Protein backbone atom coordinates (compact mmCIF):
# COMPACT_ATOMS: atom_id res chain seq x y z
CA UNK A 1 -15.94 13.72 -4.01
CA UNK A 2 -13.87 14.88 -0.63
CA UNK A 3 -13.93 18.21 0.54
CA UNK A 4 -10.24 19.43 0.77
CA UNK A 5 -11.48 19.95 4.73
CA UNK A 6 -11.72 16.38 5.10
CA UNK A 7 -9.16 16.10 2.84
CA UNK A 8 -6.60 18.09 5.13
CA UNK A 9 -8.42 16.78 8.30
CA UNK A 10 -7.48 12.75 6.96
CA UNK A 11 -3.59 13.93 6.59
CA UNK A 12 -3.27 15.51 9.52
CA UNK A 13 -4.29 12.27 11.45
CA UNK A 14 -2.50 9.97 9.35
CA UNK A 15 0.80 12.87 9.95
CA UNK A 16 0.04 11.78 13.57
CA UNK A 17 -1.23 8.53 14.67
CA UNK A 18 0.42 6.78 11.80
CA UNK A 19 3.77 7.98 13.31
CA UNK A 20 2.43 8.19 16.42
CA UNK A 21 1.47 3.97 16.38
CA UNK A 22 4.90 2.90 14.60
CA UNK A 23 7.13 4.75 17.19
CA UNK A 24 5.08 3.08 20.06
CA UNK A 25 5.14 -0.54 18.65
CA UNK A 26 8.40 0.10 17.81
CA UNK A 27 9.49 1.53 21.48
CA UNK A 28 7.61 -1.39 22.94
CA UNK A 29 9.19 -4.03 21.11
CA UNK A 30 12.38 -2.37 21.98
CA UNK A 31 12.44 -1.59 25.56
CA UNK A 32 10.82 -5.59 25.79
CA UNK A 33 13.83 -7.00 24.53
CA UNK A 34 15.85 -4.30 26.83
CA UNK A 35 14.12 -4.95 29.47
CA UNK A 36 13.82 -8.91 28.71
CA UNK A 37 17.69 -9.09 27.58
CA UNK A 38 19.17 -6.21 31.29
CA UNK A 39 16.69 -8.33 33.24
CA UNK A 40 17.42 -11.40 32.53
CA UNK A 41 21.12 -10.75 32.67
CA UNK A 42 20.31 -9.42 36.09
CA UNK A 43 18.47 -12.05 37.32
CA UNK A 44 21.26 -14.57 36.65
CA UNK A 45 23.79 -12.45 38.13
CA UNK A 46 22.23 -12.58 40.79
CA UNK A 47 21.49 -16.50 40.66
CA UNK A 48 25.16 -16.72 39.80
CA UNK A 49 26.07 -14.53 43.49
CA UNK A 50 23.13 -16.79 45.66
CA UNK A 51 24.54 -19.78 44.22
CA UNK A 52 28.72 -19.07 45.25
CA UNK A 53 26.97 -17.75 48.48
CA UNK A 54 25.20 -21.28 49.69
CA UNK A 55 28.25 -23.41 47.71
CA UNK A 56 30.64 -21.35 49.83
CA UNK A 57 28.43 -21.72 53.00
CA UNK A 58 27.61 -25.44 52.66
CA UNK A 59 31.38 -25.59 52.52
CA UNK A 60 31.88 -23.66 55.57
CA UNK A 61 29.69 -25.77 57.38
CA UNK A 62 30.58 -29.11 56.20
CA UNK A 63 34.14 -28.63 57.91
CA UNK A 64 32.13 -28.66 60.95
CA UNK A 65 31.45 -32.34 60.75
CA UNK A 66 35.28 -32.69 59.45
CA UNK A 67 36.53 -31.50 63.36
CA UNK A 68 34.03 -33.68 65.09
CA UNK A 69 35.21 -36.87 62.90
CA UNK A 70 38.93 -35.40 64.49
CA UNK A 71 37.77 -34.87 67.63
CA UNK A 72 38.95 -37.91 69.80
CA UNK A 73 36.75 -37.33 72.86
CA UNK A 74 33.48 -37.14 70.55
CA UNK A 75 35.30 -40.27 68.57
CA UNK A 76 35.66 -41.67 72.12
CA UNK A 77 31.93 -41.11 73.59
CA UNK A 78 30.89 -42.48 70.71
CA UNK A 79 32.57 -45.65 70.65
CA UNK A 80 31.50 -46.44 74.55
CA UNK A 81 27.62 -46.14 73.99
CA UNK A 82 26.52 -50.33 73.33
CA UNK A 83 23.61 -52.13 72.22
CA UNK A 84 21.11 -52.24 75.26
CA UNK A 85 23.08 -50.26 77.36
CA UNK A 86 22.73 -47.27 79.51
CA UNK A 87 22.09 -43.84 77.16
CA UNK A 88 24.43 -41.83 79.39
CA UNK A 89 26.53 -41.83 76.59
CA UNK A 90 24.55 -41.10 73.60
CA UNK A 91 23.24 -37.99 75.90
CA UNK A 92 27.27 -36.70 76.17
CA UNK A 93 27.53 -37.24 72.18
CA UNK A 94 23.81 -35.34 71.25
CA UNK A 95 25.31 -32.31 74.09
CA UNK A 96 28.44 -32.24 72.18
CA UNK A 97 27.25 -32.28 68.64
CA UNK A 98 24.09 -29.43 69.85
CA UNK A 99 27.53 -27.89 71.38
CA UNK A 100 29.50 -27.81 68.37
CA UNK A 101 26.45 -26.97 66.67
CA UNK A 102 25.71 -23.90 68.14
CA UNK A 103 29.68 -22.38 67.97
CA UNK A 104 30.62 -22.76 64.22
CA UNK A 105 26.89 -22.32 62.58
CA UNK A 106 24.11 -21.10 63.47
CA UNK A 107 22.58 -21.26 60.47
CA UNK A 108 22.20 -25.68 60.93
CA UNK A 109 19.34 -27.13 61.73
CA UNK A 110 20.78 -30.06 63.36
CA UNK A 111 23.40 -32.30 63.89
CA UNK A 112 22.78 -36.50 63.79
CA UNK A 113 24.90 -39.26 64.29
CA UNK A 114 23.45 -42.48 62.63
CA UNK A 115 25.00 -45.78 65.10
CA UNK A 116 25.75 -48.95 62.47
CA UNK A 117 26.07 -51.22 66.37
CA UNK A 118 22.95 -50.36 68.17
CA UNK A 119 20.68 -49.28 65.02
CA UNK A 120 20.22 -45.87 66.49
CA UNK A 121 20.07 -42.05 65.22
CA UNK A 122 21.22 -39.56 68.09
CA UNK A 123 20.22 -35.65 67.36
CA UNK A 124 21.40 -32.60 68.78
CA UNK A 125 17.28 -31.98 68.91
CA UNK A 126 17.10 -31.01 72.68
CA UNK A 127 13.56 -32.68 72.64
CA UNK A 128 14.40 -35.82 70.31
CA UNK A 129 17.92 -36.65 71.19
CA UNK A 130 17.57 -40.24 70.32
CA UNK A 131 15.37 -42.12 67.72
CA UNK A 132 15.38 -46.08 67.76
CA UNK A 133 14.81 -47.17 64.01
CA UNK A 134 12.31 -48.95 63.51
CA UNK A 135 11.68 -48.59 59.91
CA UNK A 136 14.52 -47.92 58.28
CA UNK A 137 12.61 -47.44 54.24
CA UNK A 138 11.31 -44.03 55.95
CA UNK A 139 14.62 -42.40 56.93
CA UNK A 140 15.68 -42.92 52.80
CA UNK A 141 19.58 -40.33 53.67
CA UNK A 142 20.38 -43.65 55.57
CA UNK A 143 20.74 -45.68 52.15
CA UNK A 144 20.83 -42.57 49.35
CA UNK A 145 24.02 -41.61 49.31
CA UNK A 146 25.41 -44.41 52.17
CA UNK A 147 29.46 -44.69 52.37
CA UNK A 148 31.18 -47.10 50.79
CA UNK A 149 33.28 -49.71 53.33
CA UNK A 150 36.89 -47.96 54.46
CA UNK A 151 35.61 -44.08 52.80
CA UNK A 152 36.65 -41.66 54.84
CA UNK A 153 34.86 -38.74 51.87
CA UNK A 154 32.42 -36.84 53.57
CA UNK A 155 29.40 -37.25 50.82
CA UNK A 156 27.55 -34.90 48.06
CA UNK A 157 24.75 -32.48 49.56
CA UNK A 158 21.75 -34.12 48.93
CA UNK A 159 17.47 -34.14 49.43
CA UNK A 160 15.85 -35.79 52.10
CA UNK A 161 12.21 -36.82 52.68
CA UNK A 162 12.87 -39.02 55.64
CA UNK A 163 14.23 -36.81 57.97
CA UNK A 164 14.36 -37.09 62.09
CA UNK A 165 12.98 -33.94 63.46
CA UNK A 166 10.05 -32.60 65.72
CA UNK A 167 7.62 -32.32 63.65
CA UNK A 168 6.78 -34.16 60.60
CA UNK A 169 5.55 -30.97 58.85
CA UNK A 170 8.91 -29.62 58.88
CA UNK A 171 10.37 -32.63 57.34
CA UNK A 172 10.43 -31.73 53.52
CA UNK A 173 13.29 -29.45 51.82
CA UNK A 174 16.00 -31.24 53.76
CA UNK A 175 19.86 -31.05 52.48
CA UNK A 176 22.02 -33.71 54.20
CA UNK A 177 26.20 -34.09 54.73
CA UNK A 178 27.34 -37.37 55.21
CA UNK A 179 30.70 -37.94 56.94
CA UNK A 180 31.47 -41.78 57.99
CA UNK A 181 32.79 -41.81 61.38
CA UNK A 182 35.86 -43.72 61.76
CA UNK A 183 37.40 -45.15 65.58
CA UNK A 184 40.73 -44.24 65.94
CA UNK A 185 42.52 -47.19 67.60
CA UNK A 186 41.28 -50.00 65.00
CA UNK A 187 39.57 -47.43 62.05
CA UNK A 188 36.24 -49.56 62.22
CA UNK A 189 33.53 -47.29 61.44
CA UNK A 190 31.17 -46.61 64.07
CA UNK A 191 28.16 -45.01 62.32
CA UNK A 192 27.95 -41.65 59.61
CA UNK A 193 28.11 -38.47 61.05
CA UNK A 194 25.96 -35.68 59.37
CA UNK A 195 24.35 -32.34 59.04
CA UNK A 196 20.77 -31.22 58.28
CA UNK A 197 20.62 -27.53 56.69
CA UNK A 198 16.64 -26.85 55.76
CA UNK A 199 15.45 -25.10 52.99
CA UNK A 200 13.69 -22.09 54.72
CA UNK A 201 17.07 -21.71 56.32
CA UNK A 202 18.66 -20.84 53.13
CA UNK A 203 15.26 -19.07 51.61
CA UNK A 204 15.32 -16.78 53.86
CA UNK A 205 19.62 -16.07 54.67
CA UNK A 206 19.44 -16.13 50.75
CA UNK A 207 17.07 -16.15 48.23
CA UNK A 208 14.75 -13.45 50.13
CA UNK A 209 17.28 -11.00 48.52
CA UNK A 210 16.83 -11.60 45.13
CA UNK A 211 13.99 -11.56 45.19
CA UNK A 212 12.55 -8.49 42.60
CA UNK A 213 9.19 -8.72 42.16
CA UNK A 214 6.39 -9.30 43.47
CA UNK A 215 4.71 -12.25 41.39
CA UNK A 216 7.97 -13.75 40.83
CA UNK A 217 8.74 -16.75 42.26
CA UNK A 218 12.37 -18.61 43.02
CA UNK A 219 13.21 -21.69 43.33
CA UNK A 220 15.90 -24.23 44.57
CA UNK A 221 15.97 -27.65 43.31
CA UNK A 222 18.12 -30.59 43.73
CA UNK A 223 19.15 -32.41 40.38
CA UNK A 224 16.39 -34.48 40.35
CA UNK A 225 14.50 -30.85 40.26
CA UNK A 226 12.54 -31.37 43.45
CA UNK A 227 11.29 -28.63 45.86
CA UNK A 228 14.64 -27.50 48.67
CA UNK A 229 13.56 -23.99 48.37
CA UNK A 230 10.45 -22.11 47.60
CA UNK A 231 9.68 -18.14 47.24
CA UNK A 232 6.25 -16.73 45.65
CA UNK A 233 4.49 -19.78 45.13
CA UNK A 234 1.26 -21.55 46.68
CA UNK A 235 0.15 -25.37 46.97
CA UNK A 236 -0.74 -25.79 43.80
CA UNK A 237 1.26 -24.19 42.09
CA UNK A 238 4.11 -26.55 44.26
CA UNK A 239 1.53 -29.47 44.03
CA UNK A 240 1.73 -29.08 40.11
CA UNK A 241 5.77 -28.29 40.18
CA UNK A 242 6.63 -31.53 39.07
CA UNK A 243 4.86 -31.62 35.67
CA UNK A 244 5.85 -28.17 34.76
CA UNK A 245 7.48 -28.20 31.26
CA UNK A 246 10.02 -25.23 31.88
CA UNK A 247 12.04 -27.38 34.87
CA UNK A 248 13.61 -29.73 31.77
CA UNK A 249 13.13 -26.04 28.96
CA UNK A 250 17.79 -25.85 28.85
CA UNK A 251 20.38 -27.99 28.56
CA UNK A 252 21.62 -29.60 31.52
CA UNK A 253 25.15 -28.73 30.76
CA UNK A 254 24.58 -25.43 30.95
CA UNK A 255 25.81 -23.24 34.19
CA UNK A 256 23.88 -20.34 33.72
CA UNK A 257 20.88 -18.99 31.42
CA UNK A 258 17.34 -18.01 30.64
CA UNK A 259 14.78 -18.71 28.42
CA UNK A 260 10.53 -17.27 27.25
CA UNK A 261 8.50 -20.14 28.30
CA UNK A 262 5.00 -20.57 29.92
CA UNK A 263 5.20 -21.69 33.07
CA UNK A 264 2.28 -22.05 35.56
CA UNK A 265 0.26 -21.40 32.63
CA UNK A 266 1.29 -17.31 32.05
CA UNK A 267 4.32 -16.12 30.09
CA UNK A 268 7.63 -15.90 32.17
CA UNK A 269 11.28 -15.31 31.97
CA UNK A 270 12.96 -17.99 33.71
CA UNK A 271 16.31 -17.15 35.14
CA UNK A 272 18.81 -20.18 36.12
CA UNK A 273 22.12 -20.57 38.09
CA UNK A 274 23.84 -24.47 38.62
CA UNK A 275 26.18 -25.32 41.27
CA UNK A 276 29.10 -27.15 39.89
CA UNK A 277 30.16 -28.32 43.32
CA UNK A 278 26.50 -29.78 44.45
CA UNK A 279 24.54 -29.53 41.66
CA UNK A 280 21.63 -27.98 43.16
CA UNK A 281 19.50 -25.80 40.59
CA UNK A 282 18.48 -21.88 41.27
CA UNK A 283 15.86 -20.44 39.44
CA UNK A 284 13.74 -17.47 39.05
CA UNK A 285 10.38 -17.58 37.09
CA UNK A 286 9.09 -14.05 36.33
CA UNK A 287 5.84 -13.09 35.01
CA UNK A 288 5.89 -10.80 31.11
CA UNK A 289 3.10 -9.51 32.54
CA UNK A 290 4.88 -8.39 35.72
CA UNK A 291 7.58 -6.10 33.85
CA UNK A 292 5.15 -4.96 31.56
CA UNK A 293 2.74 -3.75 32.77
CA UNK A 294 4.65 -0.46 33.42
CA UNK A 295 4.76 -0.54 29.93
CA UNK A 296 1.62 -1.39 29.29
CA UNK A 297 0.75 2.30 31.21
CA UNK A 298 3.11 3.77 30.02
CA UNK A 299 1.60 2.58 26.39
CA UNK A 300 -1.56 4.07 27.53
CA UNK A 301 -0.35 7.21 28.63
CA UNK A 302 1.53 7.46 25.42
CA UNK A 303 -1.76 6.97 23.17
CA UNK A 304 -3.75 8.94 25.58
CA UNK A 305 -1.22 11.69 24.11
CA UNK A 306 -1.78 10.76 20.76
CA UNK A 307 -5.08 10.61 21.05
CA UNK A 308 -5.26 14.60 22.53
CA UNK A 309 -2.87 15.44 19.84
CA UNK A 310 -5.41 14.25 17.15
CA UNK A 311 -7.58 16.38 18.96
CA UNK A 312 -5.77 18.67 18.73
CA UNK A 313 -4.85 18.38 15.05
CA UNK A 314 -8.01 17.93 14.20
CA UNK A 315 -9.41 21.44 15.17
CA UNK A 316 -6.08 23.02 13.78
CA UNK A 317 -7.32 21.21 10.19
CA UNK A 318 -10.47 22.26 10.69
CA UNK A 319 -9.60 25.74 11.55
CA UNK A 320 -6.54 26.10 8.72
CA UNK A 321 -8.70 24.04 6.38
CA UNK A 322 -11.49 26.93 6.83
CA UNK A 323 -8.78 29.59 6.48
CA UNK A 324 -7.40 27.35 3.09
CA UNK A 325 -10.98 26.85 1.55
CA UNK A 326 -12.31 30.58 2.02
CA UNK A 327 -10.48 32.10 -0.84
CA UNK A 328 -11.50 28.55 -2.52
CA UNK A 329 -15.46 28.59 -2.11
CA UNK A 330 -14.98 32.59 -3.09
CA UNK A 331 -13.04 31.92 -5.69
CA UNK A 332 -15.42 28.78 -6.98
CA UNK A 333 -18.72 31.15 -5.93
CA UNK A 334 -17.59 33.68 -8.70
CA UNK A 335 -16.76 30.90 -11.23
CA UNK A 336 -20.43 29.68 -10.92
CA UNK A 337 -21.44 33.52 -10.99
CA UNK A 338 -19.81 34.34 -14.69
CA UNK A 339 -20.54 30.98 -15.51
CA UNK A 340 -24.29 31.73 -15.61
CA UNK A 341 -23.30 35.13 -17.41
CA UNK A 342 -22.64 37.87 -14.96
CA UNK A 343 -19.56 39.04 -16.05
CA UNK A 344 -19.68 42.38 -13.52
CA UNK A 345 -18.71 39.34 -10.50
CA UNK A 346 -14.91 40.09 -9.13
CA UNK A 347 -13.06 38.13 -6.58
CA UNK A 348 -11.67 39.65 -3.83
CA UNK A 349 -9.15 38.26 -1.65
CA UNK A 350 -6.33 41.06 0.22
CA UNK A 351 -3.74 38.60 1.87
CA UNK A 352 -0.72 38.36 -0.80
CA UNK A 353 -0.07 33.80 -1.48
CA UNK A 354 -0.82 32.40 -4.03
CA UNK A 355 -4.46 32.71 -3.76
CA UNK A 356 -4.21 35.73 -4.61
CA UNK A 357 -2.55 34.74 -8.04
CA UNK A 358 -5.07 32.92 -8.40
CA UNK A 359 -8.21 35.76 -8.15
CA UNK A 360 -5.99 38.25 -9.78
CA UNK A 361 -6.13 35.80 -12.65
CA UNK A 362 -9.61 34.79 -12.83
CA UNK A 363 -10.22 38.99 -12.34
CA UNK A 364 -7.87 39.54 -15.31
CA UNK A 365 -9.82 36.79 -17.47
CA UNK A 366 -13.25 38.51 -16.80
CA UNK A 367 -12.02 42.03 -17.72
CA UNK A 368 -10.56 40.29 -20.97
CA UNK A 369 -13.22 37.86 -21.62
CA UNK A 370 -15.84 41.54 -21.03
CA UNK A 371 -13.66 43.33 -22.76
CA UNK A 372 -13.98 40.53 -26.08
CA UNK A 373 -17.38 40.33 -25.24
CA UNK A 374 -17.80 44.30 -26.47
CA UNK A 375 -15.43 43.90 -29.41
CA UNK A 376 -17.27 40.99 -30.39
CA UNK A 377 -20.55 42.96 -29.96
CA UNK A 378 -19.23 45.91 -32.01
CA UNK A 379 -17.55 43.54 -34.33
CA UNK A 380 -21.66 42.18 -35.36
CA UNK A 381 -22.33 45.40 -35.70
CA UNK A 382 -19.96 46.55 -37.75
CA UNK A 383 -20.93 43.04 -39.75
CA UNK A 384 -24.13 43.85 -39.63
CA UNK A 385 -24.09 46.94 -41.14
CA UNK A 386 -21.78 46.17 -43.79
CA UNK A 387 -24.07 43.22 -44.67
CA UNK A 388 -26.41 45.88 -45.38
CA UNK A 389 -24.51 48.08 -47.01
CA UNK A 390 -23.30 45.53 -49.43
CA UNK A 391 -27.40 44.66 -50.23
CA UNK A 392 -27.25 48.22 -50.94
CA UNK A 393 -23.83 48.21 -53.06
CA UNK A 394 -25.69 45.31 -54.87
CA UNK A 395 -29.06 46.98 -55.72
CA UNK A 396 -26.87 50.57 -57.22
CA UNK A 397 -24.56 48.23 -59.58
CA UNK A 398 -27.47 45.59 -60.84
CA UNK A 399 -29.10 49.23 -61.91
CA UNK A 400 -26.53 50.66 -63.80
CA UNK A 401 -25.92 47.44 -65.47
CA UNK A 402 -29.57 47.17 -66.20
CA UNK A 403 -29.47 50.81 -67.02
CA UNK A 404 -26.42 50.54 -69.91
CA UNK A 405 -27.76 47.62 -71.62
CA UNK A 406 -30.88 49.96 -72.36
CA UNK A 407 -28.44 52.32 -73.84
CA UNK A 408 -27.07 49.73 -75.37
CA UNK A 409 -29.81 48.07 -77.15
CA UNK A 410 -30.61 52.40 -77.95
CA UNK A 411 -27.47 52.83 -79.92
CA UNK A 412 -28.05 49.98 -82.02
CA UNK A 413 -31.19 50.90 -83.04
CA UNK A 414 -29.59 54.66 -83.87
CA UNK A 415 -26.53 52.16 -85.38
CA UNK A 416 -23.73 54.03 -83.12
CA UNK A 417 -21.87 50.58 -82.91
CA UNK A 418 -19.28 51.91 -81.16
CA UNK A 419 -20.91 53.31 -77.71
CA UNK A 420 -22.95 49.70 -77.81
CA UNK A 421 -19.63 48.28 -77.34
CA UNK A 422 -18.27 50.65 -74.18
CA UNK A 423 -22.14 50.34 -73.62
CA UNK A 424 -21.23 46.52 -72.98
CA UNK A 425 -18.06 46.37 -71.81
CA UNK A 426 -19.65 48.65 -68.98
CA UNK A 427 -21.84 45.86 -67.99
CA UNK A 428 -19.31 43.11 -68.68
CA UNK A 429 -17.08 44.72 -65.64
CA UNK A 430 -19.79 45.04 -63.43
CA UNK A 431 -20.96 41.89 -63.51
CA UNK A 432 -17.80 40.42 -63.29
CA UNK A 433 -17.18 42.58 -59.99
CA UNK A 434 -20.19 41.01 -59.05
CA UNK A 435 -19.35 37.18 -59.37
CA UNK A 436 -22.83 36.26 -58.14
CA UNK A 437 -21.30 36.85 -55.23
CA UNK A 438 -19.03 33.99 -55.37
CA UNK A 439 -15.97 33.86 -53.38
CA UNK A 440 -13.39 32.51 -56.12
CA UNK A 441 -13.32 32.53 -59.60
CA UNK A 442 -11.17 31.31 -62.07
CA UNK A 443 -8.63 33.48 -63.95
CA UNK A 444 -10.11 33.30 -67.42
CA UNK A 445 -12.69 34.95 -65.84
CA UNK A 446 -10.88 37.57 -63.52
CA UNK A 447 -8.89 38.38 -67.47
CA UNK A 448 -12.06 39.13 -68.86
CA UNK A 449 -13.09 41.83 -66.06
CA UNK A 450 -9.78 43.16 -66.48
CA UNK A 451 -10.12 43.00 -70.30
CA UNK A 452 -13.51 44.64 -70.39
CA UNK A 453 -11.81 47.06 -68.36
CA UNK A 454 -8.80 47.80 -70.30
CA UNK A 455 -11.67 48.34 -72.49
CA UNK A 456 -13.56 51.00 -71.08
CA UNK A 457 -9.85 52.97 -70.45
CA UNK A 458 -9.05 52.34 -73.87
CA UNK A 459 -12.06 54.38 -74.83
CA UNK A 460 -11.09 57.22 -73.01
CA UNK A 461 -7.22 57.31 -73.79
CA UNK A 462 -7.17 56.33 -77.28
CA UNK A 463 -3.35 54.80 -78.17
CA UNK A 464 -1.85 56.25 -74.90
CA UNK A 465 -1.02 52.67 -73.50
CA UNK A 466 -0.72 49.10 -74.06
CA UNK A 467 -1.59 46.28 -72.73
CA UNK A 468 0.11 42.21 -73.37
CA UNK A 469 -1.44 39.34 -71.68
CA UNK A 470 1.39 36.06 -70.46
CA UNK A 471 -1.08 33.86 -68.77
CA UNK A 472 -0.31 29.75 -69.55
CA UNK A 473 -3.42 28.67 -70.86
CA UNK A 474 -2.65 25.40 -68.55
CA UNK A 475 -3.55 28.46 -65.78
CA UNK A 476 -6.57 29.87 -66.91
CA UNK A 477 -9.25 27.19 -65.57
CA UNK A 478 -7.66 27.24 -62.01
CA UNK A 479 -9.52 28.89 -59.53
CA UNK A 480 -8.08 32.20 -57.64
CA UNK A 481 -10.06 34.86 -55.02
CA UNK A 482 -12.46 36.69 -56.35
CA UNK A 483 -10.76 40.35 -57.29
CA UNK A 484 -7.15 38.81 -56.50
CA UNK A 485 -6.51 39.67 -60.08
CA UNK A 486 -6.57 44.33 -60.08
CA UNK A 487 -5.73 46.43 -62.98
């Protein structure tokens, strides 16, 4: 059987640890849900703002192509370039594009002009102005969004892997927009004027400002989920990006949203925003552990506080149980001593509480038991004395009626008939009074005793009274207490 101290310790621990654990779990779950929601919504809003800023910036920069296409001197310089001619006109066109680029927007990596005849590319790069096209397949952007005949509209922005650049290693992550260049006098197409913007430019200008966590990954993807610009990705992640399920984990019709999934083998929250203008997808991938680590640390601190509270509760429960168990142990010891026969024991407890009522009740009970024991001893002594007296009383009547019988026989011998009858009545009366020690006798025997008694009184008080017996005959054999019928 467990002691009260153990029960109190268990109760204190349960009262403290169980609510603390349940509260910690509820707070952790609720906090995680709130952080997921609030953080996700905030990140989606950041992506929406970045999307709007990038779309506006791309729209503003693409106006430069319209301005160049409308510049008569520029168009004339382009029209004067002939196949196999001197490249001075091409150098002049390159300089005009470079001046326009630096004047309008420094974020443009370069402008280029793809000439139908001759099949050359003129760029705004200072160290690589003219590129002769030998392998058209290398320049995927030439045919990717080829503008139709007579079309003057501008192409959508698209990602290109093959872009004329001084450094081949920098040819990844560039987006292009094209516009057909038309000769003014006859409307003949001269080529396609294009603008190249590096993904690193967009990353440094817009994406880096919305990054919230060290391990957060930011992606700018085209409509086919190819990366234009990335932040926070290593080479291994970049190589495995195309196989990640989170890229297609949302509806293509959704303009923005968030969801939880596994990204690069880590439980992550993915937020995304899709540009209605360019079709580009801006995505934030945040490992859940990035913002739950602090919660775990706070949870551990809470558990530490709960543990300290539990330790304190153990000490308090031990102390309190000692205070409670002391009078109980004292009362238990007193009961054991009383049970062994020591009725002089008393429980001493001075505090006024429920235990004092118990000890007072115990002391009163012991006093009453002691008094009852004394009374019982006295009654036993009296009973023994009464039995002794009864024995003595039995000896005297026996002697008396034996003597009377002797007188009776002597009276009969002397022909004293009346004296003999009187002695016989006296003997019968005492014999009926003793009744051989029985507690019950019949009604007939009780009546016989009374008749003998009346006979003795009649001899002494002759003629002074009369007696009438009215007893139903069916009652004479009923048992009654001895001497319940007395004259």
